């Protein structure tokens, strides 16, 4: 495949970025999108140009760090797929592909396609955990009875990888889907009940302080989420928040 790439280039958070045009040729349809960017970067290095900065780690659809807009869609045109698991067979020979970083106030661009998503870390630090007695008297997890329906729902919520596609897809740059997945995961399990009230209050407060917007109720976040996190988690978080506010 021969492709034209329009890639966002920005030297630092203080510089004004712009789209740059690149040509790549002989790209295998079996290559992943990141492997295609690797090929482009090798080409740029050979030419003495600076390679394109982009985040990646596991390249197995687990860590979520490969996040980027591809032709205006978070993680690209294929649903339930991270950028690293997106293959070039989803495109056609001769296509022009636009590649950009997330666009959100809470996710400032660091360089090129790399954004600062530490806001998610601060939200998690505010309450996305449980306090466990590790003195040697801990109860075996298998000894705690959990309704299968609740366990399944908690597991579904736990599949959130914190990539930020929900924020990038929302016209208000809302982090409600991410935060609600983390709240739901623990709210559904007995281990999370002890700190449930403080957790939802603290995480929602931190989410607001980070500059994320309010939920639009349009559902774009669920559509673009590579793990298909359900909107019902937002409803659950709202219920948890109301309960904690009046109890």
C-alpha atoms as a PDB file:
ATOM      1  CA  UNK A   1       0.000   0.000   0.000  1.00  0.00           C
ATOM      2  CA  UNK A   2       1.079   3.554  -0.711  1.00  0.00           C
ATOM      3  CA  UNK A   3      -0.350   6.118   1.672  1.00  0.00           C
ATOM      4  CA  UNK A   4      -0.343   9.844   2.386  1.00  0.00           C
ATOM      5  CA  UNK A   5      -0.144  10.692   6.077  1.00  0.00           C
ATOM      6  CA  UNK A   6      -1.173  14.028   7.566  1.00  0.00           C
ATOM      7  CA  UNK A   7       0.391  13.974  11.045  1.00  0.00           C
ATOM      8  CA  UNK A   8       0.175  16.541  13.836  1.00  0.00           C
ATOM      9  CA  UNK A   9       3.648  17.793  14.750  1.00  0.00           C
ATOM     10  CA  UNK A  10       4.242  19.877  17.865  1.00  0.00           C
ATOM     11  CA  UNK A  11       7.691  20.291  19.397  1.00  0.00           C
ATOM     12  CA  UNK A  12       6.503  20.914  22.951  1.00  0.00           C
ATOM     13  CA  UNK A  13       3.531  21.955  25.043  1.00  0.00           C
ATOM     14  CA  UNK A  14       4.529  25.587  24.526  1.00  0.00           C
ATOM     15  CA  UNK A  15       4.814  25.437  20.730  1.00  0.00           C
ATOM     16  CA  UNK A  16       2.050  25.853  18.203  1.00  0.00           C
ATOM     17  CA  UNK A  17       1.625  22.633  16.269  1.00  0.00           C
ATOM     18  CA  UNK A  18       0.626  21.996  12.670  1.00  0.00           C
ATOM     19  CA  UNK A  19      -0.136  19.152  10.284  1.00  0.00           C
ATOM     20  CA  UNK A  20       2.787  17.792   8.264  1.00  0.00           C
ATOM     21  CA  UNK A  21       2.448  15.602   5.162  1.00  0.00           C
ATOM     22  CA  UNK A  22       4.409  12.378   4.682  1.00  0.00           C
ATOM     23  CA  UNK A  23       4.416   9.637   2.066  1.00  0.00           C
ATOM     24  CA  UNK A  24       4.897   5.964   2.918  1.00  0.00           C
ATOM     25  CA  UNK A  25       5.077   3.150   0.403  1.00  0.00           C
ATOM     26  CA  UNK A  26       5.024  -0.645   0.274  1.00  0.00           C
ATOM     27  CA  UNK A  27       3.129  -0.905   3.562  1.00  0.00           C
ATOM     28  CA  UNK A  28       1.871  -4.436   4.232  1.00  0.00           C
ATOM     29  CA  UNK A  29      -1.832  -4.795   4.933  1.00  0.00           C
ATOM     30  CA  UNK A  30      -0.792  -7.106   7.798  1.00  0.00           C
ATOM     31  CA  UNK A  31       1.152  -4.323   9.520  1.00  0.00           C
ATOM     32  CA  UNK A  32      -0.371  -2.686  12.564  1.00  0.00           C
ATOM     33  CA  UNK A  33      -0.910   1.069  12.546  1.00  0.00           C
ATOM     34  CA  UNK A  34       1.992   1.558  14.963  1.00  0.00           C
ATOM     35  CA  UNK A  35       4.260  -0.616  12.830  1.00  0.00           C
ATOM     36  CA  UNK A  36       3.410   1.660   9.917  1.00  0.00           C
ATOM     37  CA  UNK A  37       4.437   4.654  12.059  1.00  0.00           C
ATOM     38  CA  UNK A  38       7.653   2.798  12.945  1.00  0.00           C
ATOM     39  CA  UNK A  39       8.418   2.477   9.244  1.00  0.00           C
ATOM     40  CA  UNK A  40       7.735   6.186   8.740  1.00  0.00           C
ATOM     41  CA  UNK A  41      10.009   7.064  11.675  1.00  0.00           C
ATOM     42  CA  UNK A  42      12.842   4.932  10.273  1.00  0.00           C
ATOM     43  CA  UNK A  43      12.398   6.813   7.016  1.00  0.00           C
ATOM     44  CA  UNK A  44      12.535  10.182   8.818  1.00  0.00           C
ATOM     45  CA  UNK A  45      15.638   9.197  10.791  1.00  0.00           C
ATOM     46  CA  UNK A  46      17.428   8.116   7.602  1.00  0.00           C
ATOM     47  CA  UNK A  47      16.606  11.522   6.137  1.00  0.00           C
ATOM     48  CA  UNK A  48      18.002  13.283   9.205  1.00  0.00           C
ATOM     49  CA  UNK A  49      14.572  14.445  10.369  1.00  0.00           C
ATOM     50  CA  UNK A  50      13.103  14.107  13.844  1.00  0.00           C
ATOM     51  CA  UNK A  51      10.864  11.060  14.256  1.00  0.00           C
ATOM     52  CA  UNK A  52       7.225  11.400  15.267  1.00  0.00           C
ATOM     53  CA  UNK A  53       6.671  11.020  19.008  1.00  0.00           C
ATOM     54  CA  UNK A  54       3.818   8.711  19.973  1.00  0.00           C
ATOM     55  CA  UNK A  55       2.963   6.670  23.060  1.00  0.00           C
ATOM     56  CA  UNK A  56       3.085   2.882  23.092  1.00  0.00           C
ATOM     57  CA  UNK A  57       3.944   0.088  25.474  1.00  0.00           C
ATOM     58  CA  UNK A  58       2.401  -3.393  25.351  1.00  0.00           C
ATOM     59  CA  UNK A  59       1.102  -3.251  21.760  1.00  0.00           C
ATOM     60  CA  UNK A  60      -1.404  -5.903  22.802  1.00  0.00           C
ATOM     61  CA  UNK A  61      -4.480  -3.749  23.417  1.00  0.00           C
ATOM     62  CA  UNK A  62      -4.008  -3.834  27.180  1.00  0.00           C
ATOM     63  CA  UNK A  63      -2.264  -0.659  28.393  1.00  0.00           C
ATOM     64  CA  UNK A  64      -4.139   1.997  26.386  1.00  0.00           C
ATOM     65  CA  UNK A  65      -1.091   4.206  25.903  1.00  0.00           C
ATOM     66  CA  UNK A  66      -1.227   4.071  22.076  1.00  0.00           C
ATOM     67  CA  UNK A  67      -4.180   6.489  22.004  1.00  0.00           C
ATOM     68  CA  UNK A  68      -4.587   8.836  19.039  1.00  0.00           C
ATOM     69  CA  UNK A  69      -7.169  10.170  16.606  1.00  0.00           C
ATOM     70  CA  UNK A  70      -7.113   8.498  13.204  1.00  0.00           C
ATOM     71  CA  UNK A  71      -9.248  10.200  10.569  1.00  0.00           C
ATOM     72  CA  UNK A  72     -11.163  11.928  13.343  1.00  0.00           C
ATOM     73  CA  UNK A  73     -11.987   8.734  15.251  1.00  0.00           C
ATOM     74  CA  UNK A  74     -10.475   7.641  18.535  1.00  0.00           C
ATOM     75  CA  UNK A  75      -8.241   4.619  17.840  1.00  0.00           C
ATOM     76  CA  UNK A  76      -9.325   4.613  14.204  1.00  0.00           C
ATOM     77  CA  UNK A  77     -12.180   3.220  12.107  1.00  0.00           C
ATOM     78  CA  UNK A  78     -12.542  -0.238  13.672  1.00  0.00           C
ATOM     79  CA  UNK A  79     -14.743  -0.567  16.744  1.00  0.00           C
ATOM     80  CA  UNK A  80     -13.553  -2.227  19.973  1.00  0.00           C
ATOM     81  CA  UNK A  81      -9.929  -1.892  18.842  1.00  0.00           C
ATOM     82  CA  UNK A  82      -6.952   0.002  20.227  1.00  0.00           C
ATOM     83  CA  UNK A  83      -4.594   1.796  17.853  1.00  0.00           C
ATOM     84  CA  UNK A  84      -1.879  -0.828  18.334  1.00  0.00           C
ATOM     85  CA  UNK A  85      -4.323  -3.581  17.328  1.00  0.00           C
ATOM     86  CA  UNK A  86      -5.593  -1.659  14.296  1.00  0.00           C
ATOM     87  CA  UNK A  87      -4.193  -3.156  11.082  1.00  0.00           C
ATOM     88  CA  UNK A  88      -3.558  -1.441   7.789  1.00  0.00           C
ATOM     89  CA  UNK A  89      -6.034  -3.711   6.001  1.00  0.00           C
ATOM     90  CA  UNK A  90      -8.677  -1.339   7.379  1.00  0.00           C
ATOM     91  CA  UNK A  91      -7.395   1.237   4.868  1.00  0.00           C
ATOM     92  CA  UNK A  92      -7.061   1.283   1.093  1.00  0.00           C
ATOM     93  CA  UNK A  93      -4.114   1.842  -1.195  1.00  0.00           C
ATOM     94  CA  UNK A  94      -3.786   5.547  -1.944  1.00  0.00           C
ATOM     95  CA  UNK A  95      -5.692   6.674   1.163  1.00  0.00           C
ATOM     96  CA  UNK A  96      -4.905   9.903   2.963  1.00  0.00           C
ATOM     97  CA  UNK A  97      -4.861   9.321   6.726  1.00  0.00           C
ATOM     98  CA  UNK A  98      -5.065  12.093   9.324  1.00  0.00           C
ATOM     99  CA  UNK A  99      -3.330  11.363  12.634  1.00  0.00           C
ATOM    100  CA  UNK A 100      -3.761  13.657  15.647  1.00  0.00           C
ATOM    101  CA  UNK A 101      -3.387  13.584  19.443  1.00  0.00           C
ATOM    102  CA  UNK A 102      -6.314  13.657  21.881  1.00  0.00           C
ATOM    103  CA  UNK A 103      -7.959  17.081  22.109  1.00  0.00           C
ATOM    104  CA  UNK A 104      -8.982  17.932  25.663  1.00  0.00           C
ATOM    105  CA  UNK A 105      -8.109  20.634  28.172  1.00  0.00           C
ATOM    106  CA  UNK A 106      -7.267  17.973  30.761  1.00  0.00           C
ATOM    107  CA  UNK A 107      -4.992  16.153  28.265  1.00  0.00           C
ATOM    108  CA  UNK A 108      -2.456  18.797  27.162  1.00  0.00           C
ATOM    109  CA  UNK A 109      -0.188  17.859  24.263  1.00  0.00           C
ATOM    110  CA  UNK A 110       3.386  17.118  25.340  1.00  0.00           C
ATOM    111  CA  UNK A 111       4.868  16.491  21.898  1.00  0.00           C
ATOM    112  CA  UNK A 112       3.429  15.433  18.541  1.00  0.00           C
ATOM    113  CA  UNK A 113       0.906  12.665  19.305  1.00  0.00           C
ATOM    114  CA  UNK A 114       1.781  12.357  23.004  1.00  0.00           C
ATOM    115  CA  UNK A 115      -0.565  13.887  25.573  1.00  0.00           C
ATOM    116  CA  UNK A 116      -0.330  14.182  29.351  1.00  0.00           C
ATOM    117  CA  UNK A 117      -2.974  11.860  30.813  1.00  0.00           C
ATOM    118  CA  UNK A 118      -1.762  12.130  34.407  1.00  0.00           C
ATOM    119  CA  UNK A 119      -5.168  13.636  35.249  1.00  0.00           C
ATOM    120  CA  UNK A 120      -6.472  10.054  35.208  1.00  0.00           C
ATOM    121  CA  UNK A 121      -3.777   9.057  37.697  1.00  0.00           C
ATOM    122  CA  UNK A 122      -4.824  11.831  40.061  1.00  0.00           C
ATOM    123  CA  UNK A 123      -8.463  10.776  39.812  1.00  0.00           C
ATOM    124  CA  UNK A 124      -7.441   7.216  40.708  1.00  0.00           C
ATOM    125  CA  UNK A 125      -5.273   8.451  43.582  1.00  0.00           C
ATOM    126  CA  UNK A 126      -8.298  10.285  44.950  1.00  0.00           C
ATOM    127  CA  UNK A 127     -10.228   7.075  45.551  1.00  0.00           C
ATOM    128  CA  UNK A 128      -9.707   4.292  43.042  1.00  0.00           C
ATOM    129  CA  UNK A 129      -8.442   1.806  45.596  1.00  0.00           C
ATOM    130  CA  UNK A 130      -9.395  -0.203  48.670  1.00  0.00           C
ATOM    131  CA  UNK A 131      -7.613  -0.328  52.012  1.00  0.00           C
ATOM    132  CA  UNK A 132      -6.715  -3.929  52.760  1.00  0.00           C
ATOM    133  CA  UNK A 133      -5.320  -5.335  56.002  1.00  0.00           C
ATOM    134  CA  UNK A 134      -2.130  -7.068  54.914  1.00  0.00           C
ATOM    135  CA  UNK A 135      -1.025  -8.028  58.406  1.00  0.00           C
ATOM    136  CA  UNK A 136      -1.423 -11.715  57.646  1.00  0.00           C
ATOM    137  CA  UNK A 137      -5.061 -11.878  58.701  1.00  0.00           C
ATOM    138  CA  UNK A 138      -6.490 -11.176  55.267  1.00  0.00           C
ATOM    139  CA  UNK A 139      -9.438 -13.264  54.160  1.00  0.00           C
ATOM    140  CA  UNK A 140      -8.997 -15.424  51.116  1.00  0.00           C
ATOM    141  CA  UNK A 141     -10.811 -13.856  48.180  1.00  0.00           C
ATOM    142  CA  UNK A 142     -12.423 -17.154  47.266  1.00  0.00           C
ATOM    143  CA  UNK A 143     -14.027 -17.279  50.722  1.00  0.00           C
ATOM    144  CA  UNK A 144     -16.049 -14.114  50.074  1.00  0.00           C
ATOM    145  CA  UNK A 145     -19.379 -14.976  48.375  1.00  0.00           C
ATOM    146  CA  UNK A 146     -20.210 -12.658  45.479  1.00  0.00           C
ATOM    147  CA  UNK A 147     -23.309 -12.787  43.311  1.00  0.00           C
ATOM    148  CA  UNK A 148     -22.270 -13.874  39.805  1.00  0.00           C
ATOM    149  CA  UNK A 149     -24.206 -11.052  38.165  1.00  0.00           C
ATOM    150  CA  UNK A 150     -22.320  -8.524  40.298  1.00  0.00           C
ATOM    151  CA  UNK A 151     -19.004 -10.258  39.684  1.00  0.00           C
ATOM    152  CA  UNK A 152     -19.579 -10.193  35.916  1.00  0.00           C
ATOM    153  CA  UNK A 153     -20.521  -6.510  35.972  1.00  0.00           C
ATOM    154  CA  UNK A 154     -17.458  -5.687  38.095  1.00  0.00           C
ATOM    155  CA  UNK A 155     -15.234  -7.588  35.679  1.00  0.00           C
ATOM    156  CA  UNK A 156     -16.754  -5.763  32.699  1.00  0.00           C
ATOM    157  CA  UNK A 157     -16.036  -2.414  34.368  1.00  0.00           C
ATOM    158  CA  UNK A 158     -12.508  -3.520  35.251  1.00  0.00           C
ATOM    159  CA  UNK A 159     -11.653  -4.001  31.571  1.00  0.00           C
ATOM    160  CA  UNK A 160     -11.330  -0.200  31.235  1.00  0.00           C
ATOM    161  CA  UNK A 161      -7.713   0.499  30.251  1.00  0.00           C
ATOM    162  CA  UNK A 162      -7.802   4.243  30.900  1.00  0.00           C
ATOM    163  CA  UNK A 163      -6.826   5.187  27.356  1.00  0.00           C
ATOM    164  CA  UNK A 164      -8.936   8.360  27.323  1.00  0.00           C
ATOM    165  CA  UNK A 165     -10.906   7.609  24.153  1.00  0.00           C
ATOM    166  CA  UNK A 166     -14.085   8.496  26.062  1.00  0.00           C
ATOM    167  CA  UNK A 167     -12.715  11.950  26.847  1.00  0.00           C
ATOM    168  CA  UNK A 168     -11.467  12.472  23.305  1.00  0.00           C
ATOM    169  CA  UNK A 169     -14.811  11.413  21.799  1.00  0.00           C
ATOM    170  CA  UNK A 170     -16.992  13.567  24.039  1.00  0.00           C
ATOM    171  CA  UNK A 171     -17.758  17.092  22.850  1.00  0.00           C
ATOM    172  CA  UNK A 172     -17.521  18.164  26.506  1.00  0.00           C
ATOM    173  CA  UNK A 173     -14.333  16.151  27.089  1.00  0.00           C
ATOM    174  CA  UNK A 174     -16.099  14.312  29.898  1.00  0.00           C
ATOM    175  CA  UNK A 175     -14.312  11.596  31.866  1.00  0.00           C
ATOM    176  CA  UNK A 176     -17.543  10.178  33.251  1.00  0.00           C
ATOM    177  CA  UNK A 177     -17.179   6.797  31.523  1.00  0.00           C
ATOM    178  CA  UNK A 178     -13.647   6.272  32.834  1.00  0.00           C
ATOM    179  CA  UNK A 179     -14.441   7.383  36.390  1.00  0.00           C
ATOM    180  CA  UNK A 180     -17.705   5.456  36.500  1.00  0.00           C
ATOM    181  CA  UNK A 181     -15.959   2.267  35.376  1.00  0.00           C
ATOM    182  CA  UNK A 182     -13.466   2.580  38.223  1.00  0.00           C
ATOM    183  CA  UNK A 183     -16.193   3.437  40.740  1.00  0.00           C
ATOM    184  CA  UNK A 184     -18.422   0.589  39.507  1.00  0.00           C
ATOM    185  CA  UNK A 185     -15.680  -2.000  39.661  1.00  0.00           C
ATOM    186  CA  UNK A 186     -15.333  -1.479  43.408  1.00  0.00           C
ATOM    187  CA  UNK A 187     -18.941  -0.518  44.202  1.00  0.00           C
ATOM    188  CA  UNK A 188     -20.145  -3.902  42.971  1.00  0.00           C
ATOM    189  CA  UNK A 189     -17.775  -5.899  45.181  1.00  0.00           C
ATOM    190  CA  UNK A 190     -17.926  -6.364  48.977  1.00  0.00           C
ATOM    191  CA  UNK A 191     -14.263  -5.342  49.265  1.00  0.00           C
ATOM    192  CA  UNK A 192     -15.162  -1.884  47.981  1.00  0.00           C
ATOM    193  CA  UNK A 193     -18.123  -1.203  50.246  1.00  0.00           C
ATOM    194  CA  UNK A 194     -16.148   0.144  53.218  1.00  0.00           C
ATOM    195  CA  UNK A 195     -14.888   3.256  51.423  1.00  0.00           C
ATOM    196  CA  UNK A 196     -17.720   3.535  48.895  1.00  0.00           C
ATOM    197  CA  UNK A 197     -19.057   6.874  50.161  1.00  0.00           C
ATOM    198  CA  UNK A 198     -15.699   8.660  50.282  1.00  0.00           C
ATOM    199  CA  UNK A 199     -14.537   7.056  47.039  1.00  0.00           C
ATOM    200  CA  UNK A 200     -17.235   8.360  44.731  1.00  0.00           C
ATOM    201  CA  UNK A 201     -17.233  11.797  46.349  1.00  0.00           C
ATOM    202  CA  UNK A 202     -13.458  12.168  46.107  1.00  0.00           C
ATOM    203  CA  UNK A 203     -13.119  10.807  42.572  1.00  0.00           C
ATOM    204  CA  UNK A 204     -15.905  12.977  41.178  1.00  0.00           C
ATOM    205  CA  UNK A 205     -14.456  16.022  42.926  1.00  0.00           C
ATOM    206  CA  UNK A 206     -11.004  15.347  41.463  1.00  0.00           C
ATOM    207  CA  UNK A 207     -12.505  14.732  38.024  1.00  0.00           C
ATOM    208  CA  UNK A 208     -14.111  18.178  38.126  1.00  0.00           C
ATOM    209  CA  UNK A 209     -10.928  19.822  39.394  1.00  0.00           C
ATOM    210  CA  UNK A 210      -8.956  18.382  36.491  1.00  0.00           C
ATOM    211  CA  UNK A 211     -11.140  20.280  34.024  1.00  0.00           C
ATOM    212  CA  UNK A 212     -13.128  17.439  32.489  1.00  0.00           C
ATOM    213  CA  UNK A 213     -16.579  18.459  31.239  1.00  0.00           C
ATOM    214  CA  UNK A 214     -20.017  17.129  32.105  1.00  0.00           C
ATOM    215  CA  UNK A 215     -21.614  14.098  30.472  1.00  0.00           C
ATOM    216  CA  UNK A 216     -23.464  14.949  27.247  1.00  0.00           C
ATOM    217  CA  UNK A 217     -25.696  11.820  27.303  1.00  0.00           C
ATOM    218  CA  UNK A 218     -24.965  11.300  23.600  1.00  0.00           C
ATOM    219  CA  UNK A 219     -23.130   8.000  24.133  1.00  0.00           C
ATOM    220  CA  UNK A 220     -20.133   8.736  21.901  1.00  0.00           C
ATOM    221  CA  UNK A 221     -17.835   7.544  24.685  1.00  0.00           C
ATOM    222  CA  UNK A 222     -19.267   4.012  24.690  1.00  0.00           C
ATOM    223  CA  UNK A 223     -19.141   3.813  20.889  1.00  0.00           C
ATOM    224  CA  UNK A 224     -15.464   4.782  20.716  1.00  0.00           C
ATOM    225  CA  UNK A 225     -14.317   2.860  23.811  1.00  0.00           C
ATOM    226  CA  UNK A 226     -11.976   0.062  22.679  1.00  0.00           C
ATOM    227  CA  UNK A 227     -13.247  -2.140  25.514  1.00  0.00           C
ATOM    228  CA  UNK A 228     -16.930  -1.327  25.098  1.00  0.00           C
ATOM    229  CA  UNK A 229     -17.428   0.024  28.620  1.00  0.00           C
ATOM    230  CA  UNK A 230     -21.176   0.426  29.110  1.00  0.00           C
ATOM    231  CA  UNK A 231     -22.985   3.680  29.826  1.00  0.00           C
ATOM    232  CA  UNK A 232     -24.811   1.889  32.645  1.00  0.00           C
ATOM    233  CA  UNK A 233     -21.673   2.481  34.708  1.00  0.00           C
ATOM    234  CA  UNK A 234     -22.337   6.219  34.563  1.00  0.00           C
ATOM    235  CA  UNK A 235     -25.861   5.613  35.876  1.00  0.00           C
ATOM    236  CA  UNK A 236     -24.414   3.473  38.657  1.00  0.00           C
ATOM    237  CA  UNK A 237     -21.885   6.140  39.600  1.00  0.00           C
ATOM    238  CA  UNK A 238     -24.632   8.768  39.705  1.00  0.00           C
ATOM    239  CA  UNK A 239     -26.646   6.558  42.052  1.00  0.00           C
ATOM    240  CA  UNK A 240     -23.594   5.980  44.235  1.00  0.00           C
ATOM    241  CA  UNK A 241     -22.938   9.723  44.314  1.00  0.00           C
ATOM    242  CA  UNK A 242     -26.506  10.583  45.316  1.00  0.00           C
ATOM    243  CA  UNK A 243     -26.512   7.893  48.011  1.00  0.00           C
ATOM    244  CA  UNK A 244     -23.229   9.141  49.441  1.00  0.00           C
ATOM    245  CA  UNK A 245     -24.537  12.732  49.451  1.00  0.00           C
ATOM    246  CA  UNK A 246     -27.648  12.016  51.511  1.00  0.00           C
ATOM    247  CA  UNK A 247     -26.432   9.243  53.814  1.00  0.00           C
END
